N, C-alpha and C. Protein backbone atom coordinates (compact mmCIF):
# COMPACT_ATOMS: atom_id res chain seq x y z
N MET A 1 -44.74 -13.42 -6.47
CA MET A 1 -44.01 -13.85 -7.65
C MET A 1 -44.09 -15.37 -7.75
N SER A 2 -44.49 -15.87 -8.89
CA SER A 2 -44.65 -17.31 -9.04
C SER A 2 -43.31 -18.00 -9.20
N HIS A 3 -43.31 -19.31 -8.99
CA HIS A 3 -42.10 -20.12 -9.09
C HIS A 3 -41.50 -20.02 -10.48
N ASP A 4 -42.32 -20.06 -11.53
CA ASP A 4 -41.84 -20.00 -12.90
C ASP A 4 -41.28 -18.63 -13.26
N SER A 5 -41.83 -17.58 -12.68
CA SER A 5 -41.33 -16.25 -13.03
C SER A 5 -39.99 -15.96 -12.37
N ARG A 6 -39.62 -16.73 -11.36
CA ARG A 6 -38.32 -16.53 -10.72
C ARG A 6 -37.20 -17.21 -11.47
N ARG A 7 -37.54 -18.09 -12.36
CA ARG A 7 -36.53 -18.83 -13.11
C ARG A 7 -36.57 -18.43 -14.57
N ALA A 8 -35.42 -18.42 -15.17
CA ALA A 8 -35.32 -18.19 -16.61
C ALA A 8 -34.81 -19.48 -17.22
N SER A 9 -35.15 -19.72 -18.46
CA SER A 9 -34.71 -20.94 -19.12
C SER A 9 -33.89 -20.60 -20.33
N GLU A 10 -33.01 -21.51 -20.68
CA GLU A 10 -32.25 -21.37 -21.90
C GLU A 10 -33.21 -21.42 -23.06
N SER A 11 -33.12 -20.44 -23.94
CA SER A 11 -34.05 -20.41 -25.05
C SER A 11 -33.53 -21.17 -26.27
N SER A 12 -32.21 -21.19 -26.46
CA SER A 12 -31.67 -21.83 -27.66
C SER A 12 -31.69 -23.34 -27.53
N SER A 13 -32.17 -23.98 -28.54
CA SER A 13 -32.25 -25.44 -28.65
C SER A 13 -32.84 -26.11 -27.42
N ALA A 14 -33.88 -25.52 -26.87
CA ALA A 14 -34.50 -26.07 -25.67
C ALA A 14 -35.15 -27.42 -25.95
N ARG A 15 -35.57 -27.64 -27.17
CA ARG A 15 -36.20 -28.92 -27.49
C ARG A 15 -35.16 -30.02 -27.69
N ALA A 16 -33.98 -29.65 -28.18
CA ALA A 16 -32.95 -30.65 -28.49
C ALA A 16 -32.25 -31.17 -27.25
N GLN A 17 -32.14 -30.37 -26.22
CA GLN A 17 -31.45 -30.79 -25.02
C GLN A 17 -32.27 -30.42 -23.79
N PRO A 18 -31.96 -31.03 -22.66
CA PRO A 18 -32.71 -30.70 -21.45
C PRO A 18 -32.58 -29.21 -21.13
N ARG A 19 -33.63 -28.66 -20.59
CA ARG A 19 -33.64 -27.24 -20.26
C ARG A 19 -32.79 -26.98 -19.03
N ALA A 20 -31.93 -26.01 -19.13
CA ALA A 20 -31.14 -25.58 -17.98
C ALA A 20 -31.91 -24.46 -17.29
N GLU A 21 -32.03 -24.56 -15.99
CA GLU A 21 -32.78 -23.55 -15.27
C GLU A 21 -31.82 -22.56 -14.62
N TYR A 22 -32.24 -21.30 -14.60
CA TYR A 22 -31.46 -20.23 -14.03
C TYR A 22 -32.30 -19.49 -13.01
N PHE A 23 -31.63 -18.96 -11.99
CA PHE A 23 -32.31 -18.26 -10.91
C PHE A 23 -31.91 -16.79 -10.91
N VAL A 24 -32.87 -15.93 -10.61
CA VAL A 24 -32.54 -14.52 -10.41
C VAL A 24 -31.73 -14.42 -9.13
N ILE A 25 -31.07 -13.30 -8.94
CA ILE A 25 -30.12 -13.15 -7.84
C ILE A 25 -30.76 -13.37 -6.46
N SER A 26 -31.98 -12.92 -6.27
CA SER A 26 -32.61 -13.07 -4.95
C SER A 26 -32.86 -14.54 -4.62
N VAL A 27 -33.27 -15.32 -5.62
CA VAL A 27 -33.52 -16.74 -5.40
C VAL A 27 -32.20 -17.48 -5.21
N ALA A 28 -31.19 -17.15 -6.02
CA ALA A 28 -29.88 -17.79 -5.87
C ALA A 28 -29.29 -17.49 -4.50
N ALA A 29 -29.44 -16.26 -4.04
CA ALA A 29 -28.93 -15.88 -2.72
C ALA A 29 -29.63 -16.69 -1.63
N GLN A 30 -30.93 -16.84 -1.75
CA GLN A 30 -31.69 -17.60 -0.76
C GLN A 30 -31.26 -19.07 -0.78
N LEU A 31 -31.10 -19.65 -1.98
CA LEU A 31 -30.69 -21.04 -2.09
C LEU A 31 -29.30 -21.28 -1.53
N ALA A 32 -28.42 -20.28 -1.68
CA ALA A 32 -27.04 -20.41 -1.19
C ALA A 32 -26.91 -20.00 0.27
N GLY A 33 -27.97 -19.42 0.83
CA GLY A 33 -27.91 -18.99 2.22
C GLY A 33 -27.07 -17.74 2.40
N MET A 34 -27.14 -16.82 1.44
CA MET A 34 -26.35 -15.60 1.47
C MET A 34 -27.22 -14.40 1.17
N HIS A 35 -26.64 -13.24 1.34
CA HIS A 35 -27.31 -12.00 0.97
C HIS A 35 -27.00 -11.72 -0.50
N ALA A 36 -27.94 -11.12 -1.21
CA ALA A 36 -27.75 -10.82 -2.63
C ALA A 36 -26.52 -9.94 -2.86
N GLN A 37 -26.22 -9.05 -1.92
CA GLN A 37 -25.05 -8.18 -2.07
C GLN A 37 -23.76 -9.00 -2.07
N THR A 38 -23.73 -10.10 -1.34
CA THR A 38 -22.56 -10.98 -1.33
C THR A 38 -22.36 -11.59 -2.71
N LEU A 39 -23.46 -11.98 -3.36
CA LEU A 39 -23.36 -12.53 -4.71
C LEU A 39 -22.83 -11.49 -5.69
N ARG A 40 -23.26 -10.25 -5.52
CA ARG A 40 -22.75 -9.18 -6.38
C ARG A 40 -21.24 -8.99 -6.18
N THR A 41 -20.82 -9.04 -4.92
CA THR A 41 -19.38 -8.91 -4.61
C THR A 41 -18.60 -10.06 -5.22
N TYR A 42 -19.09 -11.27 -5.07
CA TYR A 42 -18.40 -12.43 -5.65
C TYR A 42 -18.33 -12.34 -7.17
N ASP A 43 -19.37 -11.81 -7.79
CA ASP A 43 -19.36 -11.62 -9.23
C ASP A 43 -18.30 -10.57 -9.61
N ARG A 44 -18.28 -9.48 -8.87
CA ARG A 44 -17.32 -8.41 -9.15
C ARG A 44 -15.88 -8.91 -8.99
N LEU A 45 -15.63 -9.80 -8.02
CA LEU A 45 -14.30 -10.35 -7.79
C LEU A 45 -13.95 -11.51 -8.73
N GLY A 46 -14.95 -11.98 -9.48
CA GLY A 46 -14.71 -13.07 -10.42
C GLY A 46 -14.74 -14.45 -9.78
N LEU A 47 -15.31 -14.56 -8.59
CA LEU A 47 -15.40 -15.87 -7.92
C LEU A 47 -16.50 -16.72 -8.54
N VAL A 48 -17.67 -16.16 -8.67
CA VAL A 48 -18.81 -16.84 -9.28
C VAL A 48 -19.41 -15.85 -10.28
N THR A 49 -19.30 -16.19 -11.55
CA THR A 49 -19.75 -15.29 -12.60
C THR A 49 -21.00 -15.86 -13.26
N PRO A 50 -22.15 -15.28 -12.94
CA PRO A 50 -23.40 -15.77 -13.53
C PRO A 50 -23.55 -15.32 -14.98
N GLN A 51 -24.49 -15.95 -15.66
CA GLN A 51 -24.82 -15.49 -17.00
C GLN A 51 -25.62 -14.20 -16.87
N ARG A 52 -25.70 -13.46 -17.97
CA ARG A 52 -26.44 -12.19 -17.95
C ARG A 52 -27.57 -12.22 -18.96
N THR A 53 -28.64 -11.55 -18.60
CA THR A 53 -29.73 -11.37 -19.55
C THR A 53 -29.35 -10.23 -20.49
N SER A 54 -30.14 -10.02 -21.53
CA SER A 54 -29.86 -8.91 -22.45
C SER A 54 -29.94 -7.58 -21.74
N GLY A 55 -30.72 -7.50 -20.67
CA GLY A 55 -30.82 -6.27 -19.89
C GLY A 55 -29.76 -6.14 -18.81
N GLY A 56 -28.89 -7.15 -18.68
CA GLY A 56 -27.80 -7.08 -17.70
C GLY A 56 -28.09 -7.76 -16.38
N GLY A 57 -29.28 -8.33 -16.21
CA GLY A 57 -29.61 -9.01 -14.97
C GLY A 57 -28.83 -10.32 -14.82
N ARG A 58 -28.46 -10.63 -13.61
CA ARG A 58 -27.71 -11.85 -13.33
C ARG A 58 -28.65 -13.05 -13.29
N ARG A 59 -28.19 -14.16 -13.87
CA ARG A 59 -28.93 -15.42 -13.84
C ARG A 59 -27.97 -16.52 -13.41
N TYR A 60 -28.28 -17.13 -12.27
CA TYR A 60 -27.43 -18.15 -11.66
C TYR A 60 -27.94 -19.54 -11.98
N SER A 61 -27.04 -20.41 -12.40
CA SER A 61 -27.39 -21.81 -12.66
C SER A 61 -27.31 -22.59 -11.35
N GLU A 62 -27.77 -23.82 -11.40
CA GLU A 62 -27.65 -24.68 -10.22
C GLU A 62 -26.18 -24.89 -9.87
N ARG A 63 -25.33 -24.99 -10.89
CA ARG A 63 -23.89 -25.14 -10.65
C ARG A 63 -23.34 -23.90 -9.96
N ASP A 64 -23.81 -22.71 -10.35
CA ASP A 64 -23.38 -21.47 -9.70
C ASP A 64 -23.76 -21.47 -8.22
N VAL A 65 -24.97 -21.93 -7.93
CA VAL A 65 -25.43 -21.98 -6.54
C VAL A 65 -24.56 -22.95 -5.74
N GLU A 66 -24.22 -24.10 -6.32
CA GLU A 66 -23.32 -25.04 -5.64
C GLU A 66 -21.97 -24.40 -5.39
N LEU A 67 -21.48 -23.66 -6.36
CA LEU A 67 -20.19 -22.98 -6.20
C LEU A 67 -20.25 -21.91 -5.12
N LEU A 68 -21.36 -21.20 -5.04
CA LEU A 68 -21.55 -20.21 -3.98
C LEU A 68 -21.49 -20.87 -2.60
N ARG A 69 -22.12 -22.03 -2.47
CA ARG A 69 -22.08 -22.76 -1.20
C ARG A 69 -20.65 -23.19 -0.87
N GLU A 70 -19.91 -23.61 -1.89
CA GLU A 70 -18.51 -24.02 -1.67
C GLU A 70 -17.64 -22.83 -1.27
N VAL A 71 -17.87 -21.69 -1.88
CA VAL A 71 -17.14 -20.48 -1.50
C VAL A 71 -17.42 -20.16 -0.03
N GLN A 72 -18.66 -20.25 0.35
CA GLN A 72 -19.04 -19.97 1.74
C GLN A 72 -18.39 -20.98 2.69
N ARG A 73 -18.37 -22.25 2.32
CA ARG A 73 -17.76 -23.28 3.16
C ARG A 73 -16.26 -23.04 3.31
N LEU A 74 -15.59 -22.77 2.19
CA LEU A 74 -14.15 -22.52 2.26
C LEU A 74 -13.84 -21.30 3.12
N SER A 75 -14.66 -20.28 2.99
CA SER A 75 -14.43 -19.05 3.74
C SER A 75 -14.72 -19.22 5.23
N GLN A 76 -15.89 -19.76 5.55
CA GLN A 76 -16.30 -19.85 6.95
C GLN A 76 -15.71 -21.04 7.69
N ASP A 77 -15.73 -22.21 7.06
CA ASP A 77 -15.28 -23.42 7.76
C ASP A 77 -13.77 -23.63 7.67
N GLU A 78 -13.18 -23.27 6.55
CA GLU A 78 -11.75 -23.52 6.34
C GLU A 78 -10.89 -22.29 6.56
N GLY A 79 -11.51 -21.12 6.63
CA GLY A 79 -10.76 -19.89 6.88
C GLY A 79 -9.94 -19.41 5.70
N VAL A 80 -10.33 -19.79 4.49
CA VAL A 80 -9.59 -19.38 3.29
C VAL A 80 -10.07 -17.98 2.88
N ASN A 81 -9.11 -17.09 2.56
CA ASN A 81 -9.52 -15.76 2.12
C ASN A 81 -10.02 -15.81 0.68
N LEU A 82 -10.62 -14.71 0.23
CA LEU A 82 -11.26 -14.70 -1.09
C LEU A 82 -10.25 -14.89 -2.23
N ALA A 83 -9.04 -14.34 -2.08
CA ALA A 83 -8.01 -14.55 -3.11
C ALA A 83 -7.64 -16.02 -3.19
N GLY A 84 -7.55 -16.68 -2.05
CA GLY A 84 -7.25 -18.11 -2.02
C GLY A 84 -8.38 -18.92 -2.63
N ILE A 85 -9.61 -18.54 -2.34
CA ILE A 85 -10.77 -19.24 -2.90
C ILE A 85 -10.78 -19.09 -4.41
N LYS A 86 -10.47 -17.90 -4.91
CA LYS A 86 -10.44 -17.68 -6.36
C LYS A 86 -9.40 -18.60 -7.00
N ARG A 87 -8.24 -18.72 -6.37
CA ARG A 87 -7.18 -19.58 -6.91
C ARG A 87 -7.61 -21.05 -6.86
N ILE A 88 -8.26 -21.46 -5.80
CA ILE A 88 -8.76 -22.84 -5.68
C ILE A 88 -9.75 -23.14 -6.80
N ILE A 89 -10.66 -22.20 -7.06
CA ILE A 89 -11.65 -22.38 -8.12
C ILE A 89 -10.95 -22.48 -9.48
N GLU A 90 -9.97 -21.60 -9.73
CA GLU A 90 -9.24 -21.63 -11.00
C GLU A 90 -8.54 -22.98 -11.18
N LEU A 91 -7.86 -23.45 -10.14
CA LEU A 91 -7.13 -24.71 -10.24
C LEU A 91 -8.07 -25.90 -10.39
N THR A 92 -9.19 -25.85 -9.70
CA THR A 92 -10.19 -26.92 -9.82
C THR A 92 -10.72 -26.98 -11.25
N ASN A 93 -11.01 -25.82 -11.83
CA ASN A 93 -11.48 -25.77 -13.22
C ASN A 93 -10.41 -26.29 -14.17
N GLN A 94 -9.16 -25.92 -13.91
CA GLN A 94 -8.06 -26.39 -14.77
C GLN A 94 -7.92 -27.90 -14.69
N VAL A 95 -8.01 -28.46 -13.50
CA VAL A 95 -7.92 -29.91 -13.33
C VAL A 95 -9.06 -30.60 -14.08
N SER A 96 -10.26 -30.06 -13.98
CA SER A 96 -11.41 -30.64 -14.68
C SER A 96 -11.20 -30.62 -16.19
N GLU A 97 -10.70 -29.51 -16.71
CA GLU A 97 -10.44 -29.42 -18.15
C GLU A 97 -9.38 -30.43 -18.57
N LEU A 98 -8.33 -30.56 -17.78
CA LEU A 98 -7.27 -31.52 -18.10
C LEU A 98 -7.77 -32.95 -18.04
N GLN A 99 -8.62 -33.25 -17.07
CA GLN A 99 -9.19 -34.59 -16.97
C GLN A 99 -10.05 -34.90 -18.20
N GLU A 100 -10.83 -33.92 -18.65
CA GLU A 100 -11.64 -34.10 -19.85
C GLU A 100 -10.74 -34.35 -21.07
N ARG A 101 -9.64 -33.62 -21.14
CA ARG A 101 -8.71 -33.79 -22.26
C ARG A 101 -8.07 -35.17 -22.24
N VAL A 102 -7.74 -35.67 -21.06
CA VAL A 102 -7.18 -37.02 -20.95
C VAL A 102 -8.18 -38.05 -21.45
N VAL A 103 -9.44 -37.88 -21.10
CA VAL A 103 -10.48 -38.80 -21.56
C VAL A 103 -10.58 -38.75 -23.08
N GLU A 104 -10.56 -37.54 -23.66
CA GLU A 104 -10.62 -37.40 -25.12
C GLU A 104 -9.43 -38.08 -25.79
N LEU A 105 -8.23 -37.85 -25.27
CA LEU A 105 -7.03 -38.43 -25.87
C LEU A 105 -6.99 -39.94 -25.71
N THR A 106 -7.45 -40.43 -24.57
CA THR A 106 -7.52 -41.87 -24.36
C THR A 106 -8.48 -42.51 -25.34
N ALA A 107 -9.62 -41.89 -25.55
CA ALA A 107 -10.60 -42.41 -26.52
C ALA A 107 -10.02 -42.39 -27.92
N ALA A 108 -9.31 -41.33 -28.28
CA ALA A 108 -8.70 -41.24 -29.61
C ALA A 108 -7.65 -42.33 -29.78
N LEU A 109 -6.87 -42.58 -28.76
CA LEU A 109 -5.85 -43.64 -28.81
C LEU A 109 -6.50 -45.01 -28.96
N GLU A 110 -7.57 -45.24 -28.22
CA GLU A 110 -8.26 -46.52 -28.31
C GLU A 110 -8.88 -46.71 -29.70
N ARG A 111 -9.43 -45.62 -30.28
CA ARG A 111 -9.97 -45.72 -31.64
C ARG A 111 -8.86 -46.06 -32.63
N GLU A 112 -7.72 -45.43 -32.44
CA GLU A 112 -6.58 -45.69 -33.33
C GLU A 112 -6.12 -47.13 -33.20
N ARG A 113 -6.02 -47.62 -31.99
CA ARG A 113 -5.58 -49.00 -31.75
C ARG A 113 -6.59 -50.01 -32.27
N ALA A 114 -7.85 -49.63 -32.36
CA ALA A 114 -8.90 -50.56 -32.82
C ALA A 114 -8.95 -50.66 -34.34
N ARG A 115 -8.27 -49.76 -35.02
CA ARG A 115 -8.27 -49.82 -36.48
C ARG A 115 -7.59 -51.10 -36.96
N PRO A 116 -8.12 -51.73 -38.00
CA PRO A 116 -7.53 -52.98 -38.48
C PRO A 116 -6.11 -52.79 -39.03
N ASP A 117 -5.80 -51.61 -39.51
CA ASP A 117 -4.46 -51.38 -40.08
C ASP A 117 -3.48 -50.77 -39.07
N TYR A 118 -3.84 -50.80 -37.79
CA TYR A 118 -2.97 -50.23 -36.75
C TYR A 118 -1.71 -51.07 -36.61
N ARG A 119 -0.57 -50.42 -36.68
CA ARG A 119 0.71 -51.09 -36.48
C ARG A 119 1.57 -50.16 -35.61
N PRO A 120 1.73 -50.49 -34.34
CA PRO A 120 2.43 -49.59 -33.43
C PRO A 120 3.86 -49.29 -33.86
N GLU A 121 4.51 -50.21 -34.58
CA GLU A 121 5.89 -49.97 -34.98
C GLU A 121 6.01 -48.88 -36.04
N LEU A 122 4.89 -48.49 -36.65
CA LEU A 122 4.93 -47.46 -37.67
C LEU A 122 4.65 -46.06 -37.11
N ILE A 123 4.36 -45.98 -35.85
CA ILE A 123 4.06 -44.69 -35.24
C ILE A 123 5.38 -44.01 -34.90
N PRO A 124 5.61 -42.83 -35.49
CA PRO A 124 6.89 -42.15 -35.20
C PRO A 124 6.90 -41.61 -33.78
N PRO A 125 8.09 -41.46 -33.23
CA PRO A 125 8.17 -40.87 -31.89
C PRO A 125 7.61 -39.45 -31.92
N GLN A 126 7.06 -39.02 -30.82
CA GLN A 126 6.41 -37.71 -30.76
C GLN A 126 7.39 -36.57 -30.95
N ARG A 127 8.59 -36.68 -30.35
CA ARG A 127 9.50 -35.56 -30.40
C ARG A 127 10.90 -36.06 -30.09
N ASN A 128 11.85 -35.58 -30.84
CA ASN A 128 13.24 -35.87 -30.52
C ASN A 128 13.70 -34.84 -29.50
N THR A 129 14.32 -35.31 -28.47
CA THR A 129 14.79 -34.39 -27.44
C THR A 129 16.28 -34.54 -27.26
N ALA A 130 16.89 -33.50 -26.81
CA ALA A 130 18.32 -33.53 -26.54
C ALA A 130 18.52 -33.08 -25.10
N LEU A 131 19.54 -33.63 -24.50
CA LEU A 131 19.87 -33.26 -23.13
C LEU A 131 21.11 -32.39 -23.19
N VAL A 132 21.00 -31.21 -22.63
CA VAL A 132 22.13 -30.30 -22.58
C VAL A 132 22.54 -30.16 -21.13
N VAL A 133 23.81 -30.42 -20.87
CA VAL A 133 24.33 -30.33 -19.51
C VAL A 133 25.11 -29.04 -19.39
N TRP A 134 24.78 -28.25 -18.45
CA TRP A 134 25.47 -26.99 -18.22
C TRP A 134 26.44 -27.17 -17.09
N GLN A 135 27.65 -26.71 -17.31
CA GLN A 135 28.65 -26.75 -16.25
C GLN A 135 29.21 -25.35 -16.09
N PRO A 136 29.26 -24.87 -14.87
CA PRO A 136 29.79 -23.52 -14.66
C PRO A 136 31.29 -23.48 -14.97
N ARG A 137 31.76 -22.31 -15.36
CA ARG A 137 33.19 -22.14 -15.58
C ARG A 137 33.93 -22.25 -14.26
N ASN A 138 35.18 -22.59 -14.36
CA ASN A 138 35.99 -22.63 -13.13
C ASN A 138 36.13 -21.21 -12.61
N ARG A 139 35.86 -21.04 -11.37
CA ARG A 139 35.96 -19.73 -10.75
C ARG A 139 37.38 -19.51 -10.26
N ARG A 140 37.84 -18.30 -10.39
CA ARG A 140 39.17 -17.96 -9.90
C ARG A 140 39.14 -17.84 -8.39
N ARG A 141 40.17 -18.31 -7.77
CA ARG A 141 40.20 -18.26 -6.31
C ARG A 141 41.06 -17.16 -5.80
């Protein structure tokens, strides 16, 4: 099997952006230092979910292979169980998304501040809040 036949490429807008390369399961398993059955198990558990071909074949990106290596490291070196690894991956993804959102909001704020008609005193407060203090009733003794 040739090197090119082991990889699949993104077909949509390949000319407009760099081509993303994908690996069939046997190559991804070899690159990650695992057995292909382990990759199937991780996919079934939702740890590493590869893209699928129209025929249902798994295609792993370079990022997927890196994630497989991290799963293996967490499991073997750190002793984290698979449920813990899944939660770590979820939280890591959430943190990345939130960091991207902070960058977007910071850029939007900077664009707003750069406008010639920007006047901070005209910006209304985001939300009016009220503080409610709860006190328990006097208990009978």
